[in-house]
N, C-alpha and C. Protein backbone atom coordinates (compact mmCIF):
# COMPACT_ATOMS: atom_id res chain seq x y z
N ILE A 1 -5.37 17.18 2.11
CA ILE A 1 -5.88 16.10 1.28
C ILE A 1 -4.80 15.02 1.16
N CYS A 2 -5.15 13.92 0.58
CA CYS A 2 -4.23 12.80 0.39
C CYS A 2 -3.73 12.75 -1.05
N THR A 3 -2.55 12.17 -1.25
CA THR A 3 -2.04 12.01 -2.61
C THR A 3 -3.04 11.20 -3.43
N GLY A 4 -3.20 11.60 -4.67
CA GLY A 4 -4.16 10.94 -5.56
C GLY A 4 -5.56 11.50 -5.45
N TYR A 5 -5.77 12.41 -4.51
CA TYR A 5 -7.09 13.01 -4.33
C TYR A 5 -7.18 14.31 -5.12
N THR A 6 -8.39 14.78 -5.31
CA THR A 6 -8.64 16.00 -6.08
C THR A 6 -8.86 17.18 -5.15
N ALA A 7 -8.15 18.27 -5.44
CA ALA A 7 -8.38 19.53 -4.74
C ALA A 7 -9.36 20.34 -5.58
N ASN A 8 -10.53 20.62 -5.02
CA ASN A 8 -11.53 21.43 -5.71
C ASN A 8 -11.45 22.85 -5.18
N VAL A 9 -11.38 23.80 -6.09
CA VAL A 9 -11.28 25.21 -5.70
C VAL A 9 -12.42 26.00 -6.34
N ASP A 10 -12.83 27.04 -5.64
CA ASP A 10 -13.96 27.85 -6.11
C ASP A 10 -13.66 29.32 -5.86
N ALA A 11 -13.56 30.08 -6.93
CA ALA A 11 -13.27 31.51 -6.85
C ALA A 11 -14.51 32.34 -7.14
N SER A 12 -15.69 31.76 -6.92
CA SER A 12 -16.94 32.48 -7.19
C SER A 12 -17.08 33.75 -6.37
N SER A 13 -16.41 33.78 -5.23
CA SER A 13 -16.51 34.98 -4.38
C SER A 13 -15.60 36.10 -4.85
N SER A 14 -14.80 35.88 -5.90
CA SER A 14 -13.97 36.95 -6.46
C SER A 14 -14.87 37.98 -7.13
N ILE A 15 -14.69 39.22 -6.76
CA ILE A 15 -15.53 40.31 -7.32
C ILE A 15 -14.64 41.46 -7.77
N ASP A 16 -15.19 42.32 -8.61
CA ASP A 16 -14.49 43.55 -8.96
C ASP A 16 -15.43 44.72 -8.74
N ALA A 17 -14.99 45.91 -9.06
CA ALA A 17 -15.78 47.12 -8.78
C ALA A 17 -17.12 47.13 -9.50
N TYR A 18 -17.24 46.38 -10.58
CA TYR A 18 -18.48 46.37 -11.36
C TYR A 18 -19.33 45.13 -11.09
N GLY A 19 -18.99 44.42 -10.02
CA GLY A 19 -19.76 43.21 -9.71
C GLY A 19 -19.00 41.99 -10.16
N SER A 20 -19.59 41.19 -10.99
CA SER A 20 -18.96 39.96 -11.44
C SER A 20 -18.54 40.09 -12.88
N CYS A 21 -17.57 40.93 -13.13
CA CYS A 21 -17.10 41.17 -14.49
C CYS A 21 -15.71 40.58 -14.71
N ASN A 22 -15.45 39.44 -14.11
CA ASN A 22 -14.14 38.81 -14.25
C ASN A 22 -13.99 38.24 -15.65
N GLU A 23 -12.83 38.47 -16.23
CA GLU A 23 -12.52 38.01 -17.58
C GLU A 23 -11.96 36.60 -17.58
N GLY A 24 -11.17 36.26 -16.57
CA GLY A 24 -10.56 34.94 -16.55
C GLY A 24 -9.96 34.60 -15.20
N PHE A 25 -9.76 33.31 -15.00
CA PHE A 25 -9.19 32.79 -13.76
C PHE A 25 -8.00 31.91 -14.12
N LEU A 26 -6.85 32.30 -13.64
CA LEU A 26 -5.64 31.55 -13.92
C LEU A 26 -5.18 30.91 -12.62
N TRP A 27 -5.14 29.56 -12.62
CA TRP A 27 -4.79 28.79 -11.42
C TRP A 27 -3.37 28.24 -11.56
N TYR A 28 -2.53 28.47 -10.56
CA TYR A 28 -1.21 27.86 -10.45
C TYR A 28 -1.27 26.86 -9.31
N TRP A 29 -0.96 25.61 -9.60
CA TRP A 29 -1.15 24.54 -8.63
C TRP A 29 0.07 24.26 -7.77
N GLY A 30 1.20 24.80 -8.10
CA GLY A 30 2.43 24.53 -7.35
C GLY A 30 3.13 23.30 -7.92
N GLY A 31 4.35 23.08 -7.47
CA GLY A 31 5.12 21.95 -8.01
C GLY A 31 5.43 22.19 -9.47
N ASN A 32 5.38 21.15 -10.25
CA ASN A 32 5.68 21.26 -11.68
C ASN A 32 4.42 21.22 -12.54
N ALA A 33 3.27 21.44 -11.93
CA ALA A 33 2.01 21.37 -12.68
C ALA A 33 1.84 22.59 -13.59
N PHE A 34 1.25 22.35 -14.74
CA PHE A 34 0.97 23.45 -15.66
C PHE A 34 -0.17 24.31 -15.11
N PRO A 35 -0.12 25.61 -15.33
CA PRO A 35 -1.23 26.47 -14.91
C PRO A 35 -2.50 26.13 -15.67
N HIS A 36 -3.61 26.45 -15.08
CA HIS A 36 -4.91 26.19 -15.68
C HIS A 36 -5.65 27.52 -15.84
N ASN A 37 -5.96 27.89 -17.08
CA ASN A 37 -6.67 29.13 -17.35
C ASN A 37 -8.11 28.79 -17.72
N SER A 38 -9.05 29.49 -17.09
CA SER A 38 -10.45 29.14 -17.31
C SER A 38 -11.33 30.38 -17.20
N ALA A 39 -12.45 30.34 -17.89
CA ALA A 39 -13.46 31.39 -17.73
C ALA A 39 -14.34 31.08 -16.53
N SER A 40 -14.29 29.84 -16.07
CA SER A 40 -15.09 29.42 -14.91
C SER A 40 -14.31 29.64 -13.62
N PRO A 41 -14.99 30.07 -12.56
CA PRO A 41 -14.30 30.26 -11.29
C PRO A 41 -14.05 28.93 -10.55
N ILE A 42 -14.60 27.84 -11.04
CA ILE A 42 -14.47 26.56 -10.37
C ILE A 42 -13.48 25.69 -11.14
N ALA A 43 -12.52 25.10 -10.41
CA ALA A 43 -11.50 24.26 -11.04
C ALA A 43 -11.10 23.14 -10.07
N SER A 44 -10.36 22.18 -10.58
CA SER A 44 -9.87 21.10 -9.73
C SER A 44 -8.53 20.61 -10.23
N HIS A 45 -7.78 19.98 -9.33
CA HIS A 45 -6.46 19.47 -9.67
C HIS A 45 -6.17 18.26 -8.79
N ILE A 46 -5.58 17.21 -9.38
CA ILE A 46 -5.20 16.02 -8.63
C ILE A 46 -3.72 16.13 -8.26
N TYR A 47 -3.42 15.94 -6.97
CA TYR A 47 -2.04 15.96 -6.48
C TYR A 47 -1.54 14.52 -6.34
N PHE A 48 -0.49 14.17 -7.10
CA PHE A 48 0.06 12.82 -7.05
C PHE A 48 1.27 12.72 -6.13
N ASN A 49 1.78 13.85 -5.69
CA ASN A 49 2.93 13.87 -4.78
C ASN A 49 2.53 14.52 -3.47
N ASN A 50 3.21 14.12 -2.42
CA ASN A 50 2.94 14.72 -1.12
C ASN A 50 3.77 15.97 -0.92
N GLY A 51 3.39 16.76 0.06
CA GLY A 51 4.12 17.96 0.42
C GLY A 51 3.23 19.17 0.50
N PRO A 52 3.80 20.28 0.95
CA PRO A 52 3.02 21.52 0.93
C PRO A 52 3.09 22.14 -0.47
N PHE A 53 1.96 22.63 -0.93
CA PHE A 53 1.88 23.31 -2.22
C PHE A 53 1.14 24.62 -2.02
N PHE A 54 1.48 25.60 -2.84
CA PHE A 54 0.77 26.87 -2.80
C PHE A 54 -0.05 27.00 -4.07
N ILE A 55 -1.35 27.12 -3.89
CA ILE A 55 -2.25 27.34 -5.02
C ILE A 55 -2.39 28.85 -5.17
N LYS A 56 -2.12 29.32 -6.36
CA LYS A 56 -2.22 30.76 -6.62
C LYS A 56 -3.31 31.00 -7.65
N LEU A 57 -4.18 31.95 -7.37
CA LEU A 57 -5.24 32.36 -8.30
C LEU A 57 -4.95 33.77 -8.78
N VAL A 58 -4.95 33.95 -10.08
CA VAL A 58 -4.80 35.28 -10.68
C VAL A 58 -6.10 35.57 -11.42
N VAL A 59 -6.77 36.67 -11.02
CA VAL A 59 -8.06 37.05 -11.62
C VAL A 59 -7.86 38.33 -12.42
N THR A 60 -8.40 38.35 -13.64
CA THR A 60 -8.34 39.54 -14.50
C THR A 60 -9.77 39.96 -14.82
N ASP A 61 -10.07 41.27 -14.66
CA ASP A 61 -11.43 41.72 -14.98
C ASP A 61 -11.49 42.28 -16.40
N ILE A 62 -12.67 42.71 -16.82
CA ILE A 62 -12.86 43.17 -18.21
C ILE A 62 -12.08 44.44 -18.52
N ASN A 63 -11.58 45.14 -17.50
CA ASN A 63 -10.79 46.34 -17.71
C ASN A 63 -9.29 46.05 -17.74
N GLY A 64 -8.93 44.77 -17.58
CA GLY A 64 -7.51 44.41 -17.59
C GLY A 64 -6.87 44.51 -16.21
N CYS A 65 -7.65 44.83 -15.18
CA CYS A 65 -7.09 44.90 -13.84
C CYS A 65 -6.87 43.48 -13.31
N VAL A 66 -5.77 43.31 -12.59
CA VAL A 66 -5.36 41.98 -12.13
C VAL A 66 -5.19 41.97 -10.62
N ASP A 67 -5.62 40.89 -10.00
CA ASP A 67 -5.39 40.66 -8.59
C ASP A 67 -5.08 39.18 -8.40
N SER A 68 -4.38 38.87 -7.32
CA SER A 68 -4.04 37.47 -7.07
C SER A 68 -4.09 37.17 -5.58
N VAL A 69 -4.23 35.89 -5.30
CA VAL A 69 -4.22 35.40 -3.92
C VAL A 69 -3.54 34.03 -3.94
N LYS A 70 -2.83 33.73 -2.86
CA LYS A 70 -2.12 32.47 -2.75
C LYS A 70 -2.52 31.80 -1.44
N LYS A 71 -2.83 30.50 -1.50
CA LYS A 71 -3.18 29.74 -0.30
C LYS A 71 -2.42 28.42 -0.30
N LYS A 72 -2.04 28.00 0.91
CA LYS A 72 -1.26 26.77 1.08
C LYS A 72 -2.19 25.57 1.22
N ILE A 73 -1.78 24.46 0.59
CA ILE A 73 -2.49 23.19 0.74
C ILE A 73 -1.45 22.13 1.10
N ASN A 74 -1.76 21.30 2.08
CA ASN A 74 -0.89 20.19 2.46
C ASN A 74 -1.44 18.90 1.88
N VAL A 75 -0.58 18.17 1.19
CA VAL A 75 -0.96 16.89 0.60
C VAL A 75 -0.18 15.81 1.34
N TYR A 76 -0.91 14.84 1.90
CA TYR A 76 -0.31 13.82 2.74
C TYR A 76 -0.31 12.46 2.04
N SER A 77 0.66 11.63 2.43
CA SER A 77 0.71 10.28 1.87
C SER A 77 0.94 9.26 2.99
N SER A 78 0.60 8.02 2.68
CA SER A 78 0.86 6.88 3.55
C SER A 78 1.42 5.78 2.66
N ASN A 79 2.50 5.14 3.09
CA ASN A 79 3.18 4.15 2.27
C ASN A 79 3.37 2.86 3.04
N ALA A 80 2.82 1.78 2.53
CA ALA A 80 2.92 0.48 3.18
C ALA A 80 4.17 -0.25 2.69
N TYR A 81 4.86 -0.91 3.64
CA TYR A 81 6.03 -1.73 3.31
C TYR A 81 6.29 -2.67 4.47
N PHE A 82 6.66 -3.90 4.18
CA PHE A 82 7.04 -4.83 5.23
C PHE A 82 8.08 -5.82 4.72
N LYS A 83 8.78 -6.44 5.66
CA LYS A 83 9.76 -7.49 5.37
C LYS A 83 9.31 -8.76 6.07
N THR A 84 9.79 -9.89 5.56
CA THR A 84 9.54 -11.17 6.21
C THR A 84 10.89 -11.84 6.49
N ASN A 85 10.92 -12.68 7.52
CA ASN A 85 12.16 -13.41 7.78
C ASN A 85 12.30 -14.63 6.86
N LYS A 86 11.17 -15.06 6.26
CA LYS A 86 11.17 -16.19 5.33
C LYS A 86 10.17 -15.90 4.21
N ASN A 87 10.57 -16.18 2.99
CA ASN A 87 9.65 -16.07 1.85
C ASN A 87 9.20 -17.44 1.38
N TYR A 88 9.85 -18.49 1.88
CA TYR A 88 9.49 -19.86 1.51
C TYR A 88 9.98 -20.80 2.60
N GLY A 89 9.41 -21.98 2.60
CA GLY A 89 9.82 -22.99 3.57
C GLY A 89 8.84 -24.14 3.55
N CYS A 90 9.10 -25.11 4.43
CA CYS A 90 8.28 -26.31 4.51
C CYS A 90 7.32 -26.23 5.69
N LEU A 91 6.27 -27.02 5.57
CA LEU A 91 5.25 -27.09 6.62
C LEU A 91 5.82 -27.62 7.92
N PRO A 92 5.33 -27.20 9.05
CA PRO A 92 4.55 -25.97 9.22
C PRO A 92 5.50 -24.78 9.16
N LEU A 93 5.08 -23.70 8.56
CA LEU A 93 5.94 -22.52 8.38
C LEU A 93 5.38 -21.36 9.17
N THR A 94 6.20 -20.79 10.03
CA THR A 94 5.83 -19.60 10.79
C THR A 94 6.68 -18.45 10.27
N VAL A 95 6.03 -17.38 9.83
CA VAL A 95 6.71 -16.24 9.21
C VAL A 95 6.63 -15.04 10.15
N ASN A 96 7.77 -14.37 10.31
CA ASN A 96 7.82 -13.13 11.09
C ASN A 96 7.65 -11.95 10.14
N PHE A 97 6.71 -11.07 10.45
CA PHE A 97 6.45 -9.87 9.65
C PHE A 97 6.95 -8.64 10.40
N THR A 98 7.79 -7.87 9.72
CA THR A 98 8.32 -6.63 10.29
C THR A 98 7.87 -5.48 9.42
N ASP A 99 7.10 -4.59 10.01
CA ASP A 99 6.54 -3.45 9.27
C ASP A 99 7.58 -2.34 9.16
N SER A 100 7.66 -1.73 7.98
CA SER A 100 8.53 -0.58 7.74
C SER A 100 7.75 0.51 7.01
N SER A 101 6.46 0.56 7.23
CA SER A 101 5.61 1.56 6.57
C SER A 101 5.94 2.95 7.08
N PHE A 102 5.62 3.96 6.28
CA PHE A 102 5.85 5.34 6.71
C PHE A 102 4.76 6.24 6.13
N ALA A 103 4.56 7.36 6.81
CA ALA A 103 3.55 8.33 6.38
C ALA A 103 4.01 9.73 6.78
N ASP A 104 3.37 10.73 6.20
CA ASP A 104 3.68 12.12 6.55
C ASP A 104 3.17 12.46 7.96
N THR A 105 2.16 11.73 8.39
CA THR A 105 1.62 11.89 9.74
C THR A 105 1.66 10.51 10.40
N THR A 106 0.89 10.30 11.43
CA THR A 106 0.88 9.02 12.13
C THR A 106 0.04 7.99 11.39
N ILE A 107 0.53 6.76 11.34
CA ILE A 107 -0.27 5.68 10.75
C ILE A 107 -1.24 5.20 11.82
N ALA A 108 -2.52 5.19 11.49
CA ALA A 108 -3.56 4.82 12.44
C ALA A 108 -3.87 3.33 12.40
N THR A 109 -3.91 2.73 11.19
CA THR A 109 -4.22 1.30 11.09
C THR A 109 -3.35 0.62 10.04
N TYR A 110 -3.07 -0.64 10.34
CA TYR A 110 -2.33 -1.52 9.45
C TYR A 110 -3.27 -2.69 9.15
N SER A 111 -3.71 -2.82 7.91
CA SER A 111 -4.64 -3.88 7.52
C SER A 111 -3.91 -4.95 6.74
N TRP A 112 -3.78 -6.13 7.37
CA TRP A 112 -3.04 -7.25 6.81
C TRP A 112 -3.99 -8.28 6.22
N ASP A 113 -3.60 -8.87 5.10
CA ASP A 113 -4.28 -10.03 4.52
C ASP A 113 -3.19 -11.04 4.23
N PHE A 114 -3.25 -12.22 4.89
CA PHE A 114 -2.17 -13.20 4.79
C PHE A 114 -2.33 -14.15 3.61
N GLY A 115 -3.39 -13.99 2.82
CA GLY A 115 -3.57 -14.79 1.62
C GLY A 115 -4.09 -16.19 1.88
N ASP A 116 -4.30 -16.53 3.16
CA ASP A 116 -4.78 -17.87 3.52
C ASP A 116 -6.16 -17.82 4.15
N GLY A 117 -6.87 -16.70 3.93
CA GLY A 117 -8.20 -16.53 4.52
C GLY A 117 -8.17 -15.79 5.84
N ASN A 118 -6.99 -15.50 6.37
CA ASN A 118 -6.85 -14.77 7.63
C ASN A 118 -6.46 -13.32 7.37
N THR A 119 -7.10 -12.43 8.11
CA THR A 119 -6.79 -11.01 8.04
C THR A 119 -6.54 -10.50 9.45
N LEU A 120 -5.94 -9.33 9.55
CA LEU A 120 -5.63 -8.75 10.84
C LEU A 120 -5.54 -7.24 10.68
N VAL A 121 -6.20 -6.50 11.56
CA VAL A 121 -6.07 -5.04 11.59
C VAL A 121 -5.38 -4.68 12.89
N ARG A 122 -4.29 -3.94 12.79
CA ARG A 122 -3.49 -3.56 13.96
C ARG A 122 -3.37 -2.05 14.02
N THR A 123 -3.04 -1.56 15.20
CA THR A 123 -2.79 -0.13 15.39
C THR A 123 -1.35 0.14 15.77
N THR A 124 -0.52 -0.91 15.79
CA THR A 124 0.91 -0.75 16.07
C THR A 124 1.70 -1.44 14.97
N ASN A 125 2.96 -1.05 14.86
CA ASN A 125 3.79 -1.63 13.81
C ASN A 125 4.85 -2.57 14.38
N THR A 126 4.60 -3.17 15.54
CA THR A 126 5.55 -4.12 16.11
C THR A 126 5.56 -5.41 15.29
N SER A 127 6.71 -6.07 15.30
CA SER A 127 6.84 -7.34 14.57
C SER A 127 5.93 -8.40 15.19
N PHE A 128 5.49 -9.34 14.35
CA PHE A 128 4.63 -10.42 14.83
C PHE A 128 4.80 -11.62 13.91
N TYR A 129 4.27 -12.78 14.35
CA TYR A 129 4.37 -14.02 13.60
C TYR A 129 3.00 -14.44 13.09
N HIS A 130 3.02 -15.12 11.92
CA HIS A 130 1.79 -15.73 11.40
C HIS A 130 2.14 -17.13 10.92
N PRO A 131 1.36 -18.16 11.34
CA PRO A 131 1.65 -19.53 10.92
C PRO A 131 0.92 -19.90 9.63
N TYR A 132 1.57 -20.73 8.83
CA TYR A 132 0.95 -21.33 7.65
C TYR A 132 0.96 -22.84 7.86
N ASN A 133 -0.21 -23.45 7.83
CA ASN A 133 -0.34 -24.88 8.11
C ASN A 133 -0.77 -25.70 6.90
N THR A 134 -0.87 -25.06 5.75
CA THR A 134 -1.25 -25.75 4.52
C THR A 134 -0.29 -25.31 3.42
N ALA A 135 0.16 -26.27 2.63
CA ALA A 135 1.06 -25.94 1.53
C ALA A 135 0.34 -25.08 0.50
N GLY A 136 1.09 -24.15 -0.09
CA GLY A 136 0.51 -23.30 -1.13
C GLY A 136 1.34 -22.05 -1.32
N THR A 137 0.91 -21.24 -2.27
CA THR A 137 1.53 -19.94 -2.53
C THR A 137 0.56 -18.87 -2.04
N TYR A 138 1.04 -18.03 -1.14
CA TYR A 138 0.19 -17.03 -0.49
C TYR A 138 0.70 -15.64 -0.80
N VAL A 139 -0.19 -14.76 -1.24
CA VAL A 139 0.15 -13.37 -1.47
C VAL A 139 -0.30 -12.59 -0.24
N VAL A 140 0.68 -12.09 0.50
CA VAL A 140 0.42 -11.32 1.72
C VAL A 140 0.37 -9.85 1.33
N SER A 141 -0.66 -9.15 1.81
CA SER A 141 -0.79 -7.73 1.45
C SER A 141 -1.00 -6.87 2.70
N LEU A 142 -0.57 -5.63 2.58
CA LEU A 142 -0.69 -4.65 3.66
C LEU A 142 -1.15 -3.32 3.08
N VAL A 143 -2.15 -2.73 3.75
CA VAL A 143 -2.60 -1.37 3.43
C VAL A 143 -2.57 -0.59 4.74
N THR A 144 -1.97 0.61 4.70
CA THR A 144 -1.95 1.46 5.88
C THR A 144 -2.86 2.65 5.66
N ILE A 145 -3.42 3.15 6.76
CA ILE A 145 -4.25 4.35 6.71
C ILE A 145 -3.73 5.31 7.78
N SER A 146 -3.44 6.53 7.36
CA SER A 146 -2.90 7.52 8.30
C SER A 146 -4.01 8.15 9.12
N ASP A 147 -3.61 8.89 10.14
CA ASP A 147 -4.60 9.59 10.97
C ASP A 147 -5.31 10.70 10.20
N MET A 148 -4.81 11.03 9.01
CA MET A 148 -5.48 12.01 8.14
C MET A 148 -6.47 11.30 7.19
N GLY A 149 -6.55 9.96 7.30
CA GLY A 149 -7.46 9.20 6.45
C GLY A 149 -6.87 8.83 5.11
N CYS A 150 -5.56 9.00 4.95
CA CYS A 150 -4.91 8.69 3.68
C CYS A 150 -4.52 7.21 3.63
N ALA A 151 -5.03 6.49 2.64
CA ALA A 151 -4.72 5.07 2.47
C ALA A 151 -3.53 4.90 1.54
N SER A 152 -2.69 3.95 1.88
CA SER A 152 -1.54 3.64 1.03
C SER A 152 -1.98 2.78 -0.14
N ASP A 153 -1.10 2.64 -1.12
CA ASP A 153 -1.28 1.60 -2.11
C ASP A 153 -1.07 0.27 -1.40
N THR A 154 -1.54 -0.81 -2.00
CA THR A 154 -1.37 -2.13 -1.40
C THR A 154 0.04 -2.63 -1.68
N PHE A 155 0.75 -2.99 -0.60
CA PHE A 155 2.08 -3.58 -0.74
C PHE A 155 1.93 -5.09 -0.59
N ARG A 156 2.60 -5.86 -1.47
CA ARG A 156 2.43 -7.32 -1.49
C ARG A 156 3.78 -8.03 -1.49
N ARG A 157 3.79 -9.20 -0.85
CA ARG A 157 4.91 -10.13 -0.90
C ARG A 157 4.33 -11.53 -1.00
N THR A 158 5.06 -12.43 -1.66
CA THR A 158 4.60 -13.80 -1.81
C THR A 158 5.35 -14.71 -0.84
N VAL A 159 4.60 -15.58 -0.18
CA VAL A 159 5.16 -16.61 0.71
C VAL A 159 4.80 -17.96 0.11
N ILE A 160 5.80 -18.81 -0.09
CA ILE A 160 5.58 -20.14 -0.66
C ILE A 160 5.81 -21.17 0.44
N VAL A 161 4.78 -21.98 0.67
CA VAL A 161 4.84 -23.02 1.70
C VAL A 161 4.78 -24.37 1.00
N ASN A 162 5.81 -25.19 1.21
CA ASN A 162 5.90 -26.50 0.57
C ASN A 162 5.57 -27.60 1.57
N ASP A 163 5.08 -28.74 1.04
CA ASP A 163 4.93 -29.92 1.88
C ASP A 163 6.31 -30.36 2.36
N ARG A 164 6.32 -31.01 3.50
CA ARG A 164 7.58 -31.57 3.98
C ARG A 164 7.93 -32.78 3.12
N PRO A 165 9.22 -33.09 2.99
CA PRO A 165 9.58 -34.28 2.24
C PRO A 165 9.05 -35.53 2.95
N ARG A 166 8.70 -36.53 2.16
CA ARG A 166 8.18 -37.78 2.72
C ARG A 166 9.19 -38.90 2.45
N SER A 167 9.49 -39.65 3.45
CA SER A 167 10.40 -40.77 3.23
C SER A 167 9.96 -41.96 4.08
N ASP A 168 10.24 -43.14 3.57
CA ASP A 168 9.94 -44.38 4.28
C ASP A 168 10.72 -45.49 3.60
N PHE A 169 11.01 -46.54 4.32
CA PHE A 169 11.66 -47.68 3.72
C PHE A 169 11.30 -48.94 4.52
N SER A 170 11.58 -50.10 3.90
CA SER A 170 11.40 -51.38 4.59
C SER A 170 12.69 -52.16 4.42
N ILE A 171 12.87 -53.13 5.28
CA ILE A 171 14.05 -53.98 5.17
C ILE A 171 13.58 -55.43 5.11
N SER A 172 14.38 -56.21 4.40
CA SER A 172 14.04 -57.64 4.30
C SER A 172 14.30 -58.30 5.64
N ALA A 173 13.62 -59.40 5.87
CA ALA A 173 13.78 -60.14 7.12
C ALA A 173 15.19 -60.73 7.21
N LEU A 174 15.76 -60.72 8.38
CA LEU A 174 17.07 -61.30 8.62
C LEU A 174 16.90 -62.72 9.17
N ASN A 175 17.51 -63.63 8.51
CA ASN A 175 17.45 -65.01 9.00
C ASN A 175 18.76 -65.43 9.64
N CYS A 176 19.85 -65.01 9.04
CA CYS A 176 21.15 -65.41 9.56
C CYS A 176 22.07 -64.20 9.62
N LEU A 177 23.09 -64.38 10.37
CA LEU A 177 24.00 -63.28 10.63
C LEU A 177 24.63 -62.71 9.36
N LYS A 178 24.97 -63.52 8.41
CA LYS A 178 25.66 -63.03 7.22
C LYS A 178 24.73 -62.88 6.03
N ASP A 179 23.42 -62.87 6.25
CA ASP A 179 22.48 -62.66 5.16
C ASP A 179 22.61 -61.23 4.62
N THR A 180 22.32 -61.07 3.34
CA THR A 180 22.28 -59.74 2.73
C THR A 180 20.99 -59.04 3.14
N VAL A 181 21.11 -57.80 3.49
CA VAL A 181 19.95 -57.01 3.90
C VAL A 181 19.58 -56.11 2.73
N TYR A 182 18.29 -56.10 2.37
CA TYR A 182 17.80 -55.26 1.28
C TYR A 182 16.91 -54.16 1.84
N PHE A 183 17.18 -52.92 1.43
CA PHE A 183 16.36 -51.78 1.82
C PHE A 183 15.50 -51.41 0.62
N ASN A 184 14.22 -51.27 0.82
CA ASN A 184 13.30 -50.92 -0.26
C ASN A 184 12.68 -49.56 0.03
N HIS A 185 12.81 -48.68 -0.94
CA HIS A 185 12.18 -47.35 -0.81
C HIS A 185 10.67 -47.49 -0.94
N ILE A 186 9.95 -46.84 -0.06
CA ILE A 186 8.49 -46.85 -0.10
C ILE A 186 8.04 -45.41 -0.20
N THR A 187 7.20 -45.13 -1.16
CA THR A 187 6.62 -43.79 -1.27
C THR A 187 5.36 -43.74 -0.42
N PRO A 188 5.39 -42.95 0.66
CA PRO A 188 4.21 -42.89 1.52
C PRO A 188 3.09 -42.12 0.83
N PRO A 189 1.86 -42.34 1.28
CA PRO A 189 0.74 -41.58 0.69
C PRO A 189 0.87 -40.11 1.03
N PRO A 190 0.30 -39.21 0.21
CA PRO A 190 0.37 -37.77 0.50
C PRO A 190 -0.18 -37.47 1.89
N GLY A 191 0.52 -36.56 2.58
CA GLY A 191 0.08 -36.15 3.92
C GLY A 191 0.68 -36.98 5.01
N ALA A 192 1.31 -38.13 4.69
CA ALA A 192 1.94 -38.98 5.71
C ALA A 192 3.39 -38.52 5.86
N TYR A 193 3.87 -38.53 7.08
CA TYR A 193 5.26 -38.09 7.34
C TYR A 193 6.05 -39.20 7.98
């Protein structure tokens, strides 16, 4: 199973010499989880950490006789993570994305959302570039899914794209060699470079 998922267990097939005279079912989930004691043979537990765990069932019948069984469960995780070569810059901005995701098994898909309306699903973790052609603040997100079907939490980074600076000027007409020259700052309209 995957981290954050529920392990459902069923001890209904536990029997004693008198049929179904079980007094109680004590479940040990492994790790640091508290045991669960129940009159019902059906129980569940959510695993928040990855790794191998041993689930142990202790059954007691009405005569005080005790039996136990232990079974191994593997809990898998997938963790998304990436770096960028730039977190901010001016238009046009091209950002290099380097994946550093990891999982207990193989990562099958990398689902990218660049925050600008573009998405990409990849099956490799090689570095790649994505261009931003409009100024704005973009939240880039990545979710990985392992070959066991385990999805990571969403990992996010913000990319800020600024307009390029705008500059322009004019100069007064020159009539004579020793005339004073005046430079006038002109604010160009938005979008003009």
